[in-house]
Amino acid sequence: MDLHPYQDTWPEDDPHANFKAEVAQYSQLDPLPTLENLSRATGVPVPALVRYILVKYTVSGAEALLALTPIVLRQMEQHIEKAESSGADAARLEAYESLRQMIGWLKLGAE
């Protein structure tokens, strides 16, 4: 399996736009040097580390949410701060919609 950065475009009203933007951002980095270093340090083969990370993230539900918490909380807070600093109802509605999408995506990981 080859791991390539995700590069795509999508309409602004795509219900998964936030997730796709995050995948595009994070997939630009190459995780293999970190995994190779971890493999050398622990003796666990890289494919086993990749499988561990994917399984832990995708099936652990609450654990995955806890692992995401610092990043997700910062993103949620930024939406709220932006809306509050504007003071406009339209900005608050935009923040609400962003938060709604983020919460919906997080719920998928827990179900």
N, C-alpha and C. Protein backbone atom coordinates (compact mmCIF):
# COMPACT_ATOMS: atom_id res chain seq x y z
N MET A 1 0.85 -1.17 0.00
CA MET A 1 0.00 0.00 0.00
C MET A 1 0.90 1.24 0.00
N ASP A 2 0.65 2.11 -0.95
CA ASP A 2 1.39 3.37 -1.01
C ASP A 2 0.59 4.44 -0.28
N LEU A 3 1.29 5.24 0.49
CA LEU A 3 0.64 6.33 1.22
C LEU A 3 0.97 7.64 0.50
N HIS A 4 -0.05 8.24 -0.09
CA HIS A 4 0.13 9.49 -0.81
C HIS A 4 -0.63 10.61 -0.12
N PRO A 5 -0.13 11.83 -0.20
CA PRO A 5 -0.89 12.96 0.36
C PRO A 5 -2.25 13.07 -0.34
N TYR A 6 -3.23 13.48 0.42
CA TYR A 6 -4.58 13.68 -0.12
C TYR A 6 -4.66 15.08 -0.70
N GLN A 7 -4.93 15.15 -1.98
CA GLN A 7 -5.07 16.44 -2.65
C GLN A 7 -6.34 16.38 -3.49
N ASP A 8 -7.28 17.22 -3.15
CA ASP A 8 -8.56 17.20 -3.83
C ASP A 8 -9.22 18.56 -3.64
N THR A 9 -10.31 18.75 -4.30
CA THR A 9 -11.14 19.93 -4.08
C THR A 9 -12.55 19.43 -3.78
N TRP A 10 -13.33 20.26 -3.11
CA TRP A 10 -14.69 19.90 -2.76
C TRP A 10 -15.50 21.17 -2.61
N PRO A 11 -16.80 21.07 -2.81
CA PRO A 11 -17.65 22.25 -2.66
C PRO A 11 -17.68 22.73 -1.21
N GLU A 12 -17.86 24.01 -1.00
CA GLU A 12 -17.89 24.57 0.35
C GLU A 12 -18.99 23.96 1.21
N ASP A 13 -20.09 23.56 0.58
CA ASP A 13 -21.21 23.00 1.35
C ASP A 13 -21.09 21.49 1.55
N ASP A 14 -19.96 20.91 1.18
CA ASP A 14 -19.73 19.48 1.40
C ASP A 14 -19.82 19.21 2.91
N PRO A 15 -20.66 18.27 3.32
CA PRO A 15 -20.82 18.02 4.77
C PRO A 15 -19.54 17.49 5.43
N HIS A 16 -18.58 17.06 4.62
CA HIS A 16 -17.32 16.53 5.16
C HIS A 16 -16.15 17.45 4.84
N ALA A 17 -16.44 18.71 4.53
CA ALA A 17 -15.38 19.65 4.14
C ALA A 17 -14.32 19.83 5.22
N ASN A 18 -14.74 19.95 6.47
CA ASN A 18 -13.76 20.13 7.56
C ASN A 18 -12.84 18.92 7.67
N PHE A 19 -13.42 17.73 7.58
CA PHE A 19 -12.62 16.51 7.67
C PHE A 19 -11.67 16.41 6.49
N LYS A 20 -12.16 16.67 5.29
CA LYS A 20 -11.31 16.60 4.10
C LYS A 20 -10.16 17.60 4.17
N ALA A 21 -10.45 18.79 4.67
CA ALA A 21 -9.39 19.80 4.81
C ALA A 21 -8.33 19.33 5.80
N GLU A 22 -8.76 18.69 6.87
CA GLU A 22 -7.81 18.20 7.87
C GLU A 22 -6.99 17.04 7.30
N VAL A 23 -7.64 16.14 6.56
CA VAL A 23 -6.90 15.03 5.93
C VAL A 23 -5.87 15.59 4.95
N ALA A 24 -6.27 16.57 4.16
CA ALA A 24 -5.33 17.18 3.21
C ALA A 24 -4.15 17.82 3.94
N GLN A 25 -4.43 18.49 5.04
CA GLN A 25 -3.36 19.15 5.80
C GLN A 25 -2.40 18.13 6.42
N TYR A 26 -2.93 17.17 7.15
CA TYR A 26 -2.08 16.23 7.86
C TYR A 26 -1.41 15.22 6.94
N SER A 27 -2.02 14.92 5.80
CA SER A 27 -1.43 13.91 4.93
C SER A 27 -0.25 14.44 4.13
N GLN A 28 0.04 15.71 4.25
CA GLN A 28 1.21 16.27 3.57
C GLN A 28 2.51 15.81 4.24
N LEU A 29 2.41 15.47 5.51
CA LEU A 29 3.59 15.02 6.26
C LEU A 29 3.84 13.54 6.00
N ASP A 30 5.09 13.14 6.07
CA ASP A 30 5.46 11.74 5.90
C ASP A 30 5.62 11.11 7.29
N PRO A 31 4.74 10.17 7.66
CA PRO A 31 4.83 9.57 8.99
C PRO A 31 5.91 8.50 9.11
N LEU A 32 6.45 8.04 7.99
CA LEU A 32 7.36 6.91 8.04
C LEU A 32 8.64 7.16 8.83
N PRO A 33 9.29 8.32 8.74
CA PRO A 33 10.49 8.50 9.58
C PRO A 33 10.21 8.32 11.07
N THR A 34 9.09 8.84 11.54
CA THR A 34 8.74 8.68 12.95
C THR A 34 8.48 7.21 13.27
N LEU A 35 7.74 6.53 12.39
CA LEU A 35 7.44 5.11 12.62
C LEU A 35 8.70 4.26 12.54
N GLU A 36 9.61 4.59 11.63
CA GLU A 36 10.86 3.84 11.52
C GLU A 36 11.70 4.02 12.79
N ASN A 37 11.76 5.24 13.31
CA ASN A 37 12.49 5.48 14.57
C ASN A 37 11.85 4.70 15.72
N LEU A 38 10.53 4.73 15.79
CA LEU A 38 9.83 4.00 16.85
C LEU A 38 10.07 2.50 16.70
N SER A 39 10.08 2.02 15.47
CA SER A 39 10.32 0.61 15.21
C SER A 39 11.72 0.20 15.68
N ARG A 40 12.70 1.03 15.34
CA ARG A 40 14.08 0.73 15.78
C ARG A 40 14.19 0.74 17.31
N ALA A 41 13.53 1.68 17.94
CA ALA A 41 13.62 1.82 19.39
C ALA A 41 12.91 0.69 20.13
N THR A 42 11.80 0.21 19.56
CA THR A 42 10.99 -0.79 20.27
C THR A 42 11.15 -2.21 19.75
N GLY A 43 11.63 -2.34 18.52
CA GLY A 43 11.71 -3.66 17.91
C GLY A 43 10.40 -4.12 17.30
N VAL A 44 9.40 -3.25 17.29
CA VAL A 44 8.11 -3.57 16.67
C VAL A 44 8.18 -3.18 15.20
N PRO A 45 7.88 -4.10 14.27
CA PRO A 45 7.97 -3.78 12.85
C PRO A 45 7.02 -2.64 12.46
N VAL A 46 7.44 -1.85 11.47
CA VAL A 46 6.64 -0.71 11.02
C VAL A 46 5.22 -1.12 10.63
N PRO A 47 5.02 -2.20 9.85
CA PRO A 47 3.63 -2.56 9.50
C PRO A 47 2.76 -2.83 10.73
N ALA A 48 3.35 -3.43 11.77
CA ALA A 48 2.59 -3.68 12.99
C ALA A 48 2.25 -2.37 13.69
N LEU A 49 3.16 -1.40 13.66
CA LEU A 49 2.87 -0.08 14.25
C LEU A 49 1.76 0.62 13.49
N VAL A 50 1.81 0.55 12.16
CA VAL A 50 0.76 1.18 11.35
C VAL A 50 -0.59 0.55 11.66
N ARG A 51 -0.62 -0.77 11.72
CA ARG A 51 -1.87 -1.47 12.02
C ARG A 51 -2.38 -1.08 13.41
N TYR A 52 -1.48 -1.04 14.39
CA TYR A 52 -1.84 -0.65 15.75
C TYR A 52 -2.47 0.74 15.77
N ILE A 53 -1.83 1.69 15.12
CA ILE A 53 -2.33 3.07 15.12
C ILE A 53 -3.70 3.14 14.45
N LEU A 54 -3.84 2.49 13.31
CA LEU A 54 -5.12 2.54 12.60
C LEU A 54 -6.24 1.88 13.39
N VAL A 55 -5.96 0.71 13.96
CA VAL A 55 -6.99 0.01 14.73
C VAL A 55 -7.35 0.79 15.98
N LYS A 56 -6.34 1.25 16.70
CA LYS A 56 -6.61 2.00 17.93
C LYS A 56 -7.45 3.23 17.63
N TYR A 57 -7.13 3.93 16.56
CA TYR A 57 -7.84 5.15 16.21
C TYR A 57 -9.26 4.86 15.74
N THR A 58 -9.42 3.84 14.90
CA THR A 58 -10.72 3.63 14.27
C THR A 58 -11.72 2.85 15.10
N VAL A 59 -11.27 1.98 15.99
CA VAL A 59 -12.24 1.15 16.71
C VAL A 59 -12.35 1.45 18.19
N SER A 60 -11.52 2.33 18.70
CA SER A 60 -11.55 2.51 20.14
C SER A 60 -12.59 3.51 20.62
N GLY A 61 -13.27 4.17 19.72
CA GLY A 61 -14.36 5.05 20.13
C GLY A 61 -13.93 6.13 21.09
N ALA A 62 -14.23 5.93 22.36
CA ALA A 62 -13.94 6.94 23.37
C ALA A 62 -12.45 7.24 23.44
N GLU A 63 -11.61 6.24 23.31
CA GLU A 63 -10.17 6.48 23.34
C GLU A 63 -9.75 7.36 22.18
N ALA A 64 -10.33 7.12 21.01
CA ALA A 64 -10.00 7.96 19.85
C ALA A 64 -10.44 9.39 20.09
N LEU A 65 -11.60 9.57 20.69
CA LEU A 65 -12.07 10.92 20.99
C LEU A 65 -11.14 11.60 21.98
N LEU A 66 -10.69 10.86 22.97
CA LEU A 66 -9.76 11.44 23.95
C LEU A 66 -8.44 11.81 23.29
N ALA A 67 -7.98 10.99 22.36
CA ALA A 67 -6.72 11.29 21.68
C ALA A 67 -6.86 12.53 20.82
N LEU A 68 -8.04 12.77 20.29
CA LEU A 68 -8.26 13.93 19.44
C LEU A 68 -8.57 15.20 20.23
N THR A 69 -8.93 15.04 21.47
CA THR A 69 -9.46 16.15 22.26
C THR A 69 -8.65 17.44 22.18
N PRO A 70 -7.35 17.45 22.41
CA PRO A 70 -6.65 18.74 22.39
C PRO A 70 -6.77 19.48 21.06
N ILE A 71 -6.63 18.77 19.95
CA ILE A 71 -6.72 19.40 18.64
C ILE A 71 -8.15 19.86 18.39
N VAL A 72 -9.09 18.96 18.62
CA VAL A 72 -10.49 19.28 18.34
C VAL A 72 -10.98 20.42 19.22
N LEU A 73 -10.61 20.39 20.49
CA LEU A 73 -11.04 21.47 21.37
C LEU A 73 -10.50 22.82 20.92
N ARG A 74 -9.24 22.86 20.48
CA ARG A 74 -8.67 24.12 19.99
C ARG A 74 -9.42 24.60 18.76
N GLN A 75 -9.74 23.67 17.86
CA GLN A 75 -10.48 24.05 16.65
C GLN A 75 -11.87 24.57 17.00
N MET A 76 -12.54 23.89 17.92
CA MET A 76 -13.88 24.33 18.33
C MET A 76 -13.80 25.70 18.99
N GLU A 77 -12.82 25.87 19.84
CA GLU A 77 -12.65 27.15 20.53
C GLU A 77 -12.39 28.28 19.54
N GLN A 78 -11.61 28.01 18.49
CA GLN A 78 -11.33 29.03 17.49
C GLN A 78 -12.60 29.47 16.77
N HIS A 79 -13.49 28.53 16.48
CA HIS A 79 -14.76 28.89 15.84
C HIS A 79 -15.57 29.81 16.75
N ILE A 80 -15.61 29.48 18.02
CA ILE A 80 -16.38 30.28 18.98
C ILE A 80 -15.75 31.66 19.16
N GLU A 81 -14.43 31.71 19.33
CA GLU A 81 -13.75 33.00 19.51
C GLU A 81 -13.94 33.91 18.31
N LYS A 82 -13.86 33.34 17.12
CA LYS A 82 -14.05 34.14 15.90
C LYS A 82 -15.46 34.72 15.87
N ALA A 83 -16.44 33.89 16.19
CA ALA A 83 -17.83 34.35 16.17
C ALA A 83 -18.06 35.42 17.24
N GLU A 84 -17.54 35.20 18.44
CA GLU A 84 -17.76 36.15 19.53
C GLU A 84 -17.04 37.48 19.28
N SER A 85 -15.84 37.42 18.69
CA SER A 85 -15.12 38.66 18.42
C SER A 85 -15.83 39.49 17.36
N SER A 86 -16.51 38.82 16.46
CA SER A 86 -17.28 39.52 15.44
C SER A 86 -18.52 40.15 16.04
N GLY A 87 -19.18 39.39 16.92
CA GLY A 87 -20.40 39.87 17.54
C GLY A 87 -21.62 39.80 16.64
N ALA A 88 -21.44 39.33 15.42
CA ALA A 88 -22.56 39.28 14.47
C ALA A 88 -23.29 37.94 14.56
N ASP A 89 -24.61 38.00 14.43
CA ASP A 89 -25.40 36.77 14.46
C ASP A 89 -25.00 35.82 13.34
N ALA A 90 -24.66 36.36 12.17
CA ALA A 90 -24.26 35.52 11.04
C ALA A 90 -22.98 34.75 11.39
N ALA A 91 -22.05 35.38 12.07
CA ALA A 91 -20.81 34.71 12.47
C ALA A 91 -21.11 33.62 13.50
N ARG A 92 -22.06 33.88 14.40
CA ARG A 92 -22.43 32.86 15.38
C ARG A 92 -23.11 31.66 14.70
N LEU A 93 -23.92 31.94 13.71
CA LEU A 93 -24.56 30.84 12.97
C LEU A 93 -23.52 30.03 12.20
N GLU A 94 -22.54 30.71 11.65
CA GLU A 94 -21.45 30.02 10.93
C GLU A 94 -20.67 29.14 11.91
N ALA A 95 -20.38 29.66 13.10
CA ALA A 95 -19.67 28.88 14.11
C ALA A 95 -20.52 27.68 14.54
N TYR A 96 -21.81 27.90 14.72
CA TYR A 96 -22.71 26.80 15.09
C TYR A 96 -22.64 25.70 14.05
N GLU A 97 -22.70 26.07 12.77
CA GLU A 97 -22.67 25.07 11.70
C GLU A 97 -21.34 24.32 11.70
N SER A 98 -20.24 25.02 11.91
CA SER A 98 -18.93 24.36 11.97
C SER A 98 -18.87 23.40 13.15
N LEU A 99 -19.35 23.83 14.30
CA LEU A 99 -19.36 22.97 15.49
C LEU A 99 -20.28 21.76 15.28
N ARG A 100 -21.42 21.99 14.65
CA ARG A 100 -22.34 20.88 14.37
C ARG A 100 -21.66 19.82 13.51
N GLN A 101 -20.94 20.26 12.48
CA GLN A 101 -20.25 19.32 11.61
C GLN A 101 -19.15 18.57 12.37
N MET A 102 -18.41 19.28 13.19
CA MET A 102 -17.33 18.64 13.95
C MET A 102 -17.88 17.60 14.92
N ILE A 103 -18.94 17.94 15.61
CA ILE A 103 -19.54 17.01 16.56
C ILE A 103 -20.10 15.79 15.82
N GLY A 104 -20.72 16.03 14.68
CA GLY A 104 -21.23 14.91 13.87
C GLY A 104 -20.11 13.97 13.45
N TRP A 105 -18.97 14.54 13.08
CA TRP A 105 -17.83 13.71 12.68
C TRP A 105 -17.29 12.94 13.88
N LEU A 106 -17.18 13.59 15.04
CA LEU A 106 -16.70 12.91 16.23
C LEU A 106 -17.62 11.78 16.64
N LYS A 107 -18.92 11.97 16.47
CA LYS A 107 -19.88 10.92 16.82
C LYS A 107 -19.67 9.69 15.95
N LEU A 108 -19.27 9.89 14.68
CA LEU A 108 -19.02 8.74 13.80
C LEU A 108 -17.93 7.85 14.38
N GLY A 109 -16.90 8.47 14.96
CA GLY A 109 -15.82 7.71 15.56
C GLY A 109 -16.22 6.94 16.79
N ALA A 110 -17.27 7.39 17.45
CA ALA A 110 -17.71 6.75 18.69
C ALA A 110 -18.78 5.69 18.46
N GLU A 111 -19.37 5.68 17.28
CA GLU A 111 -20.48 4.73 17.03
C GLU A 111 -19.99 3.37 16.57
